[in-house]
Amino acid sequence: MTSTVYIVDDEEGVQEALSWLLSTVDLKVKSYLSAREFMAGIDLDDPLSLGSGCMLLDVRMPAMSGIELQQILIEKGVNLPIIFLTAHGEVPMAVNALKMGAFDFLQKPFNNQQLLDTVMKAIRMSEESLAISTTLNQIQSKLSVLTTREGEVYRMMIKGLSNKGMSQTLSLSTKTIETHRANINKKLGVKDLSELIGIEGVE
């Protein structure tokens, strides 16, 4: 899994310094001079397309601030960890951003090692989150292929109902229930109930 650090800062000098620093630890970097440029360069309707990584986001920028961009990303369901870069006097704004879910904030001029450590922590969290989201999407994709009736049987299987119990509840023959169960196992790619329970546990 290749992670990307997205830099959004309107100062080219800061971008260049950050890009160089991150390249020393072989991190992939994408830089943007404004929040609007960043939004134009990604697919906000597909949050997972960003992959894993984190964002180094300047608090104060023209046209759209880092805080405003954070709000938009939250609304769109983008879970990329945000590390705010703040100048002196902007700390209260950064603290408010933390309350809104930002990963951390660092004051300019920042300590290089502290920044690298913070970025690596954010990336590890992002990779774990992406793995879970990807698994959930795969599960939802599998469940979507079940018919309405199979969905009913699936939920009863998860609850531990016997074939006889399901037969009585759904007014179907035991043989029909067995057929539905076989179809469910085949569509979801599982062999038995224990694997189905595992899917439900993740869900």
Foldseek 3Di string as FASTA:
>chain_A
DAAEEEEEALDVVVVVVVVVLCVVVPHHYDYHNHLVRVVVVDDLLDLCVNPFFAYEAEQDDPPAGSLRSLVVSVVSVNPHAYEYEYEPPCVVVQVVVVVVPHQYYAYPVGDSVVVVVSRVVSRVVRNVVSVLVVLLVLLVVLLVPQDPVLNVLLVVLLVPDDLVRVCVVVVHDSVVSVVSVVVSCVSNVHDDSVVSNVSVVSD
